Amino acid sequence: MGKIDMGSGTLLSPVPAVMVSVGDTEKSNIITVAWTGIVCSDPAKTYISVRPSRYSWGIIKEKGEFVINLTPAKLVKAADFCGIYTGAKVNKFERCGLTAAPSRLVSAPSIAESPVSIECRVSDVISLGSHDMFIADILNVSADESLLDENGKLHFERASLAAYSHGEYFALGRSLGTFGFSARKKRGSTGARPGGKNK
C-alpha cells in the first residue's frame, strides 16, 4: 500500500503537551504548549512556540523567563483546560487545583504537581508567522525524588508521562528498547560491531 501526499501541515507526532508556567508571585499563568523541544545540548537550550495573541505571550516577552512542566497522565485534564481558557479571565492554578511553587533560578513559578520542571530564560525570539519561537537557556531542572533511584539516575517511566498526537492525548506505553540497543553486542556473541571492527 502506498503513501498519500497530504501537503504541508503540522503532522509531526507524537509531541509533548507541556504546561508552561509564566509570570511571578503577583501575576502568574499556565499555557499548554505542544510546539516545544530541545534545540541544543551544550549549552542546554529549549524552545516554545507561542501565538502572539495568547495572553502568556506578553508575559513571556516582559519577563523573559518561563518554566516547562512535564505533564503526567493524571494532569492531562488540567493541561487540556489550560490550553483552552485564557489566563486573562481565569486563574488556572486555582481552577485546576495546581500549586504555584517557587522556582530556584527564575521568577516564574513551577507547578508543584508536575514531576519535572525545567526553568528557562529566553535568549532569542524568532517571529515565524503564526507563532513566535522563544529560544531559551535551561537554567535548572527539578525532578520529584520518586523518579530517582539510589544512584541518582532519573527514571522517566515512573512519571507516567502523556503525549499529544493529532488532537488526542495518550499515556506513554511500554519500553521498546534503550538507546543503542540496535548495535549492542549480545552476550556471548563474537560478531563484529556494525560499522566497526572486532575487538
C-alpha atoms as a PDB file:
ATOM      1  CA  MET A   1       0.000   0.000   0.000  1.00  0.00           C
ATOM      2  CA  GLY A   2       1.423   3.392  -0.976  1.00  0.00           C
ATOM      3  CA  LYS A   3       1.513   6.714   0.821  1.00  0.00           C
ATOM      4  CA  ILE A   4      -0.889   9.568   0.094  1.00  0.00           C
ATOM      5  CA  ASP A   5       0.516  13.106  -0.245  1.00  0.00           C
ATOM      6  CA  MET A   6      -1.236  15.393   2.258  1.00  0.00           C
ATOM      7  CA  GLY A   7       0.605  18.622   1.527  1.00  0.00           C
ATOM      8  CA  SER A   8       2.147  20.919   4.105  1.00  0.00           C
ATOM      9  CA  GLY A   9       0.966  20.575   7.688  1.00  0.00           C
ATOM     10  CA  THR A  10       1.895  20.210  11.347  1.00  0.00           C
ATOM     11  CA  LEU A  11       1.635  16.428  11.458  1.00  0.00           C
ATOM     12  CA  LEU A  12       4.774  15.572  13.406  1.00  0.00           C
ATOM     13  CA  SER A  13       3.501  13.249  16.144  1.00  0.00           C
ATOM     14  CA  PRO A  14       3.548  12.475  18.972  1.00  0.00           C
ATOM     15  CA  VAL A  15       4.641  15.642  20.743  1.00  0.00           C
ATOM     16  CA  PRO A  16       4.729  16.582  24.428  1.00  0.00           C
ATOM     17  CA  ALA A  17       1.793  18.587  25.761  1.00  0.00           C
ATOM     18  CA  VAL A  18       3.638  20.567  28.428  1.00  0.00           C
ATOM     19  CA  MET A  19       2.260  23.129  30.838  1.00  0.00           C
ATOM     20  CA  VAL A  20       4.361  26.279  30.703  1.00  0.00           C
ATOM     21  CA  SER A  21       4.114  28.483  33.774  1.00  0.00           C
ATOM     22  CA  VAL A  22       4.882  32.184  33.390  1.00  0.00           C
ATOM     23  CA  GLY A  23       4.871  35.405  35.398  1.00  0.00           C
ATOM     24  CA  ASP A  24       5.819  35.785  39.039  1.00  0.00           C
ATOM     25  CA  THR A  25       4.300  35.591  42.518  1.00  0.00           C
ATOM     26  CA  GLU A  26       1.990  38.544  41.779  1.00  0.00           C
ATOM     27  CA  LYS A  27       0.798  37.580  38.297  1.00  0.00           C
ATOM     28  CA  SER A  28       1.152  34.045  37.005  1.00  0.00           C
ATOM     29  CA  ASN A  29      -0.421  31.890  34.339  1.00  0.00           C
ATOM     30  CA  ILE A  30      -0.199  28.473  32.712  1.00  0.00           C
ATOM     31  CA  ILE A  31      -0.246  27.912  28.960  1.00  0.00           C
ATOM     32  CA  THR A  32      -0.307  24.472  27.360  1.00  0.00           C
ATOM     33  CA  VAL A  33       2.241  24.127  24.572  1.00  0.00           C
ATOM     34  CA  ALA A  34       2.812  21.270  22.130  1.00  0.00           C
ATOM     35  CA  TRP A  35       5.404  23.056  19.958  1.00  0.00           C
ATOM     36  CA  THR A  36       8.430  22.540  22.189  1.00  0.00           C
ATOM     37  CA  GLY A  37      11.659  20.572  22.245  1.00  0.00           C
ATOM     38  CA  ILE A  38      15.417  20.597  22.739  1.00  0.00           C
ATOM     39  CA  VAL A  39      17.481  22.608  20.245  1.00  0.00           C
ATOM     40  CA  CYS A  40      20.983  22.268  21.716  1.00  0.00           C
ATOM     41  CA  SER A  41      22.730  20.151  24.343  1.00  0.00           C
ATOM     42  CA  ASP A  42      25.773  22.353  25.063  1.00  0.00           C
ATOM     43  CA  PRO A  43      24.689  24.849  26.174  1.00  0.00           C
ATOM     44  CA  ALA A  44      21.387  23.260  27.097  1.00  0.00           C
ATOM     45  CA  LYS A  45      18.677  25.079  25.162  1.00  0.00           C
ATOM     46  CA  THR A  46      14.991  24.538  24.555  1.00  0.00           C
ATOM     47  CA  TYR A  47      12.190  26.413  22.833  1.00  0.00           C
ATOM     48  CA  ILE A  48       8.464  27.019  22.945  1.00  0.00           C
ATOM     49  CA  SER A  49       6.420  28.477  20.102  1.00  0.00           C
ATOM     50  CA  VAL A  50       3.518  30.720  21.151  1.00  0.00           C
ATOM     51  CA  ARG A  51       0.957  32.715  19.185  1.00  0.00           C
ATOM     52  CA  PRO A  52       1.298  36.481  19.853  1.00  0.00           C
ATOM     53  CA  SER A  53      -2.452  36.570  20.501  1.00  0.00           C
ATOM     54  CA  ARG A  54      -2.071  34.367  23.586  1.00  0.00           C
ATOM     55  CA  TYR A  55      -2.187  36.034  26.993  1.00  0.00           C
ATOM     56  CA  SER A  56       1.045  34.354  28.124  1.00  0.00           C
ATOM     57  CA  TRP A  57       2.958  35.673  25.108  1.00  0.00           C
ATOM     58  CA  GLY A  58       3.032  39.186  26.587  1.00  0.00           C
ATOM     59  CA  ILE A  59       4.128  37.905  29.986  1.00  0.00           C
ATOM     60  CA  ILE A  60       6.998  35.919  28.471  1.00  0.00           C
ATOM     61  CA  LYS A  61       8.076  38.934  26.418  1.00  0.00           C
ATOM     62  CA  GLU A  62       8.049  41.111  29.537  1.00  0.00           C
ATOM     63  CA  LYS A  63       9.699  38.700  31.995  1.00  0.00           C
ATOM     64  CA  GLY A  64      11.955  36.756  29.640  1.00  0.00           C
ATOM     65  CA  GLU A  65      11.534  33.598  31.708  1.00  0.00           C
ATOM     66  CA  PHE A  66       9.248  30.569  31.902  1.00  0.00           C
ATOM     67  CA  VAL A  67       9.086  27.047  33.305  1.00  0.00           C
ATOM     68  CA  ILE A  68       8.276  23.968  31.219  1.00  0.00           C
ATOM     69  CA  ASN A  69       6.367  21.499  33.417  1.00  0.00           C
ATOM     70  CA  LEU A  70       6.054  17.960  32.064  1.00  0.00           C
ATOM     71  CA  THR A  71       2.551  16.518  32.032  1.00  0.00           C
ATOM     72  CA  PRO A  72       1.839  13.120  33.601  1.00  0.00           C
ATOM     73  CA  ALA A  73      -1.337  11.240  32.696  1.00  0.00           C
ATOM     74  CA  LYS A  74      -3.055  12.382  35.896  1.00  0.00           C
ATOM     75  CA  LEU A  75      -2.682  16.053  34.861  1.00  0.00           C
ATOM     76  CA  VAL A  76      -3.936  15.704  31.271  1.00  0.00           C
ATOM     77  CA  LYS A  77      -7.325  17.220  32.143  1.00  0.00           C
ATOM     78  CA  ALA A  78      -5.573  20.233  33.688  1.00  0.00           C
ATOM     79  CA  ALA A  79      -3.297  20.549  30.649  1.00  0.00           C
ATOM     80  CA  ASP A  80      -6.302  20.476  28.335  1.00  0.00           C
ATOM     81  CA  PHE A  81      -8.076  23.134  30.414  1.00  0.00           C
ATOM     82  CA  CYS A  82      -5.003  25.377  30.411  1.00  0.00           C
ATOM     83  CA  GLY A  83      -4.849  25.118  26.620  1.00  0.00           C
ATOM     84  CA  ILE A  84      -8.477  26.150  26.129  1.00  0.00           C
ATOM     85  CA  TYR A  85      -9.077  29.009  28.535  1.00  0.00           C
ATOM     86  CA  THR A  86      -7.255  32.331  28.675  1.00  0.00           C
ATOM     87  CA  GLY A  87      -5.394  33.443  31.744  1.00  0.00           C
ATOM     88  CA  ALA A  88      -6.714  36.948  31.135  1.00  0.00           C
ATOM     89  CA  LYS A  89     -10.057  35.764  32.567  1.00  0.00           C
ATOM     90  CA  VAL A  90      -9.301  32.613  34.553  1.00  0.00           C
ATOM     91  CA  ASN A  91      -6.858  31.826  37.359  1.00  0.00           C
ATOM     92  CA  LYS A  92      -5.747  28.454  36.034  1.00  0.00           C
ATOM     93  CA  PHE A  93      -3.764  27.489  39.126  1.00  0.00           C
ATOM     94  CA  GLU A  94      -6.918  27.833  41.238  1.00  0.00           C
ATOM     95  CA  ARG A  95      -9.336  26.317  38.727  1.00  0.00           C
ATOM     96  CA  CYS A  96      -7.139  23.259  38.156  1.00  0.00           C
ATOM     97  CA  GLY A  97      -6.124  22.793  41.787  1.00  0.00           C
ATOM     98  CA  LEU A  98      -2.454  23.291  40.972  1.00  0.00           C
ATOM     99  CA  THR A  99       0.214  24.741  43.253  1.00  0.00           C
ATOM    100  CA  ALA A 100       2.470  27.601  42.144  1.00  0.00           C
ATOM    101  CA  ALA A 101       5.791  26.652  43.756  1.00  0.00           C
ATOM    102  CA  PRO A 102       8.820  28.981  43.844  1.00  0.00           C
ATOM    103  CA  SER A 103      11.422  28.118  41.220  1.00  0.00           C
ATOM    104  CA  ARG A 104      15.095  28.097  42.053  1.00  0.00           C
ATOM    105  CA  LEU A 105      16.558  30.415  39.392  1.00  0.00           C
ATOM    106  CA  VAL A 106      13.659  32.152  37.606  1.00  0.00           C
ATOM    107  CA  SER A 107      10.797  34.366  38.723  1.00  0.00           C
ATOM    108  CA  ALA A 108       8.157  32.199  37.037  1.00  0.00           C
ATOM    109  CA  PRO A 109       6.634  29.632  39.388  1.00  0.00           C
ATOM    110  CA  SER A 110       6.879  25.897  38.843  1.00  0.00           C
ATOM    111  CA  ILE A 111       3.876  23.592  39.041  1.00  0.00           C
ATOM    112  CA  ALA A 112       4.397  21.536  42.193  1.00  0.00           C
ATOM    113  CA  GLU A 113       2.248  18.658  40.916  1.00  0.00           C
ATOM    114  CA  SER A 114       4.370  18.216  37.783  1.00  0.00           C
ATOM    115  CA  PRO A 115       7.040  15.510  38.170  1.00  0.00           C
ATOM    116  CA  VAL A 116       9.669  17.510  36.260  1.00  0.00           C
ATOM    117  CA  SER A 117      10.016  21.287  35.934  1.00  0.00           C
ATOM    118  CA  ILE A 118      12.509  22.943  33.576  1.00  0.00           C
ATOM    119  CA  GLU A 119      13.460  26.543  34.394  1.00  0.00           C
ATOM    120  CA  CYS A 120      14.230  28.632  31.319  1.00  0.00           C
ATOM    121  CA  ARG A 121      15.487  32.111  30.418  1.00  0.00           C
ATOM    122  CA  VAL A 122      14.786  33.496  26.952  1.00  0.00           C
ATOM    123  CA  SER A 123      17.862  34.156  24.807  1.00  0.00           C
ATOM    124  CA  ASP A 124      16.268  34.753  21.402  1.00  0.00           C
ATOM    125  CA  VAL A 125      12.842  35.371  19.910  1.00  0.00           C
ATOM    126  CA  ILE A 126      12.157  34.450  16.289  1.00  0.00           C
ATOM    127  CA  SER A 127       8.949  35.523  14.560  1.00  0.00           C
ATOM    128  CA  LEU A 128       7.986  32.690  12.252  1.00  0.00           C
ATOM    129  CA  GLY A 129       4.449  33.563  11.128  1.00  0.00           C
ATOM    130  CA  SER A 130       1.536  32.306  13.209  1.00  0.00           C
ATOM    131  CA  HIS A 131       3.899  31.708  16.160  1.00  0.00           C
ATOM    132  CA  ASP A 132       6.908  33.325  17.791  1.00  0.00           C
ATOM    133  CA  MET A 133       9.631  30.927  18.872  1.00  0.00           C
ATOM    134  CA  PHE A 134      11.137  31.669  22.277  1.00  0.00           C
ATOM    135  CA  ILE A 135      14.565  30.033  22.402  1.00  0.00           C
ATOM    136  CA  ALA A 136      15.778  29.725  25.968  1.00  0.00           C
ATOM    137  CA  ASP A 137      18.678  28.565  28.104  1.00  0.00           C
ATOM    138  CA  ILE A 138      17.818  25.748  30.501  1.00  0.00           C
ATOM    139  CA  LEU A 139      18.997  27.016  33.875  1.00  0.00           C
ATOM    140  CA  ASN A 140      17.733  24.277  36.149  1.00  0.00           C
ATOM    141  CA  VAL A 141      15.760  21.043  36.102  1.00  0.00           C
ATOM    142  CA  SER A 142      13.956  19.873  39.228  1.00  0.00           C
ATOM    143  CA  ALA A 143      12.519  16.356  39.480  1.00  0.00           C
ATOM    144  CA  ASP A 144      10.464  14.505  42.069  1.00  0.00           C
ATOM    145  CA  GLU A 145      12.606  12.363  44.334  1.00  0.00           C
ATOM    146  CA  SER A 146      10.377   9.395  43.481  1.00  0.00           C
ATOM    147  CA  LEU A 147      11.792   9.427  39.935  1.00  0.00           C
ATOM    148  CA  LEU A 148      15.386   8.916  41.091  1.00  0.00           C
ATOM    149  CA  ASP A 149      16.962   5.603  42.030  1.00  0.00           C
ATOM    150  CA  GLU A 150      19.610   5.046  44.711  1.00  0.00           C
ATOM    151  CA  ASN A 151      22.325   6.075  42.228  1.00  0.00           C
ATOM    152  CA  GLY A 152      20.597   9.332  41.293  1.00  0.00           C
ATOM    153  CA  LYS A 153      19.512   8.107  37.860  1.00  0.00           C
ATOM    154  CA  LEU A 154      16.310   9.665  36.559  1.00  0.00           C
ATOM    155  CA  HIS A 155      13.597   7.180  35.577  1.00  0.00           C
ATOM    156  CA  PHE A 156      11.033   8.903  33.372  1.00  0.00           C
ATOM    157  CA  GLU A 157       8.979   5.704  33.150  1.00  0.00           C
ATOM    158  CA  ARG A 158       7.961   6.291  36.763  1.00  0.00           C
ATOM    159  CA  ALA A 159       6.405   9.634  35.842  1.00  0.00           C
ATOM    160  CA  SER A 160       3.601   8.184  33.659  1.00  0.00           C
ATOM    161  CA  LEU A 161       4.055  10.987  31.142  1.00  0.00           C
ATOM    162  CA  ALA A 162       1.485  11.794  28.464  1.00  0.00           C
ATOM    163  CA  ALA A 163       1.896  12.715  24.809  1.00  0.00           C
ATOM    164  CA  TYR A 164      -0.287  14.551  22.288  1.00  0.00           C
ATOM    165  CA  SER A 165      -0.995  13.249  18.799  1.00  0.00           C
ATOM    166  CA  HIS A 166      -3.270  14.913  16.258  1.00  0.00           C
ATOM    167  CA  GLY A 167      -5.907  16.129  18.708  1.00  0.00           C
ATOM    168  CA  GLU A 168      -5.685  13.287  21.226  1.00  0.00           C
ATOM    169  CA  TYR A 169      -3.783  12.678  24.459  1.00  0.00           C
ATOM    170  CA  PHE A 170      -2.059   9.349  25.057  1.00  0.00           C
ATOM    171  CA  ALA A 171      -0.339   7.755  28.043  1.00  0.00           C
ATOM    172  CA  LEU A 172       3.119   6.542  27.114  1.00  0.00           C
ATOM    173  CA  GLY A 173       3.288   2.759  26.963  1.00  0.00           C
ATOM    174  CA  ARG A 174       5.894   0.046  27.285  1.00  0.00           C
ATOM    175  CA  SER A 175       9.598   0.487  26.587  1.00  0.00           C
ATOM    176  CA  LEU A 176      10.772  -0.817  23.219  1.00  0.00           C
ATOM    177  CA  GLY A 177      14.480  -0.622  23.948  1.00  0.00           C
ATOM    178  CA  THR A 178      17.203   1.616  25.305  1.00  0.00           C
ATOM    179  CA  PHE A 179      19.441   3.947  23.320  1.00  0.00           C
ATOM    180  CA  GLY A 180      21.974   1.978  21.308  1.00  0.00           C
ATOM    181  CA  PHE A 181      20.210  -1.390  21.666  1.00  0.00           C
ATOM    182  CA  SER A 182      20.304  -1.990  17.897  1.00  0.00           C
ATOM    183  CA  ALA A 183      24.115  -2.059  17.934  1.00  0.00           C
ATOM    184  CA  ARG A 184      24.639  -3.604  21.339  1.00  0.00           C
ATOM    185  CA  LYS A 185      26.635  -6.812  21.324  1.00  0.00           C
ATOM    186  CA  LYS A 186      24.667  -9.822  22.506  1.00  0.00           C
ATOM    187  CA  ARG A 187      26.116 -11.707  25.431  1.00  0.00           C
ATOM    188  CA  GLY A 188      28.370 -14.466  24.142  1.00  0.00           C
ATOM    189  CA  SER A 189      28.467 -13.057  20.598  1.00  0.00           C
ATOM    190  CA  THR A 190      31.801 -12.818  18.770  1.00  0.00           C
ATOM    191  CA  GLY A 191      30.488 -10.955  15.734  1.00  0.00           C
ATOM    192  CA  ALA A 192      31.709  -7.592  14.525  1.00  0.00           C
ATOM    193  CA  ARG A 193      30.043  -4.391  15.684  1.00  0.00           C
ATOM    194  CA  PRO A 194      28.052  -2.621  12.952  1.00  0.00           C
ATOM    195  CA  GLY A 195      30.355  -0.201  11.142  1.00  0.00           C
ATOM    196  CA  GLY A 196      33.333  -1.248  13.222  1.00  0.00           C
ATOM    197  CA  LYS A 197      35.905  -3.974  13.778  1.00  0.00           C
ATOM    198  CA  ASN A 198      36.032  -6.966  16.078  1.00  0.00           C
ATOM    199  CA  LYS A 199      37.603  -6.261  19.445  1.00  0.00           C
END
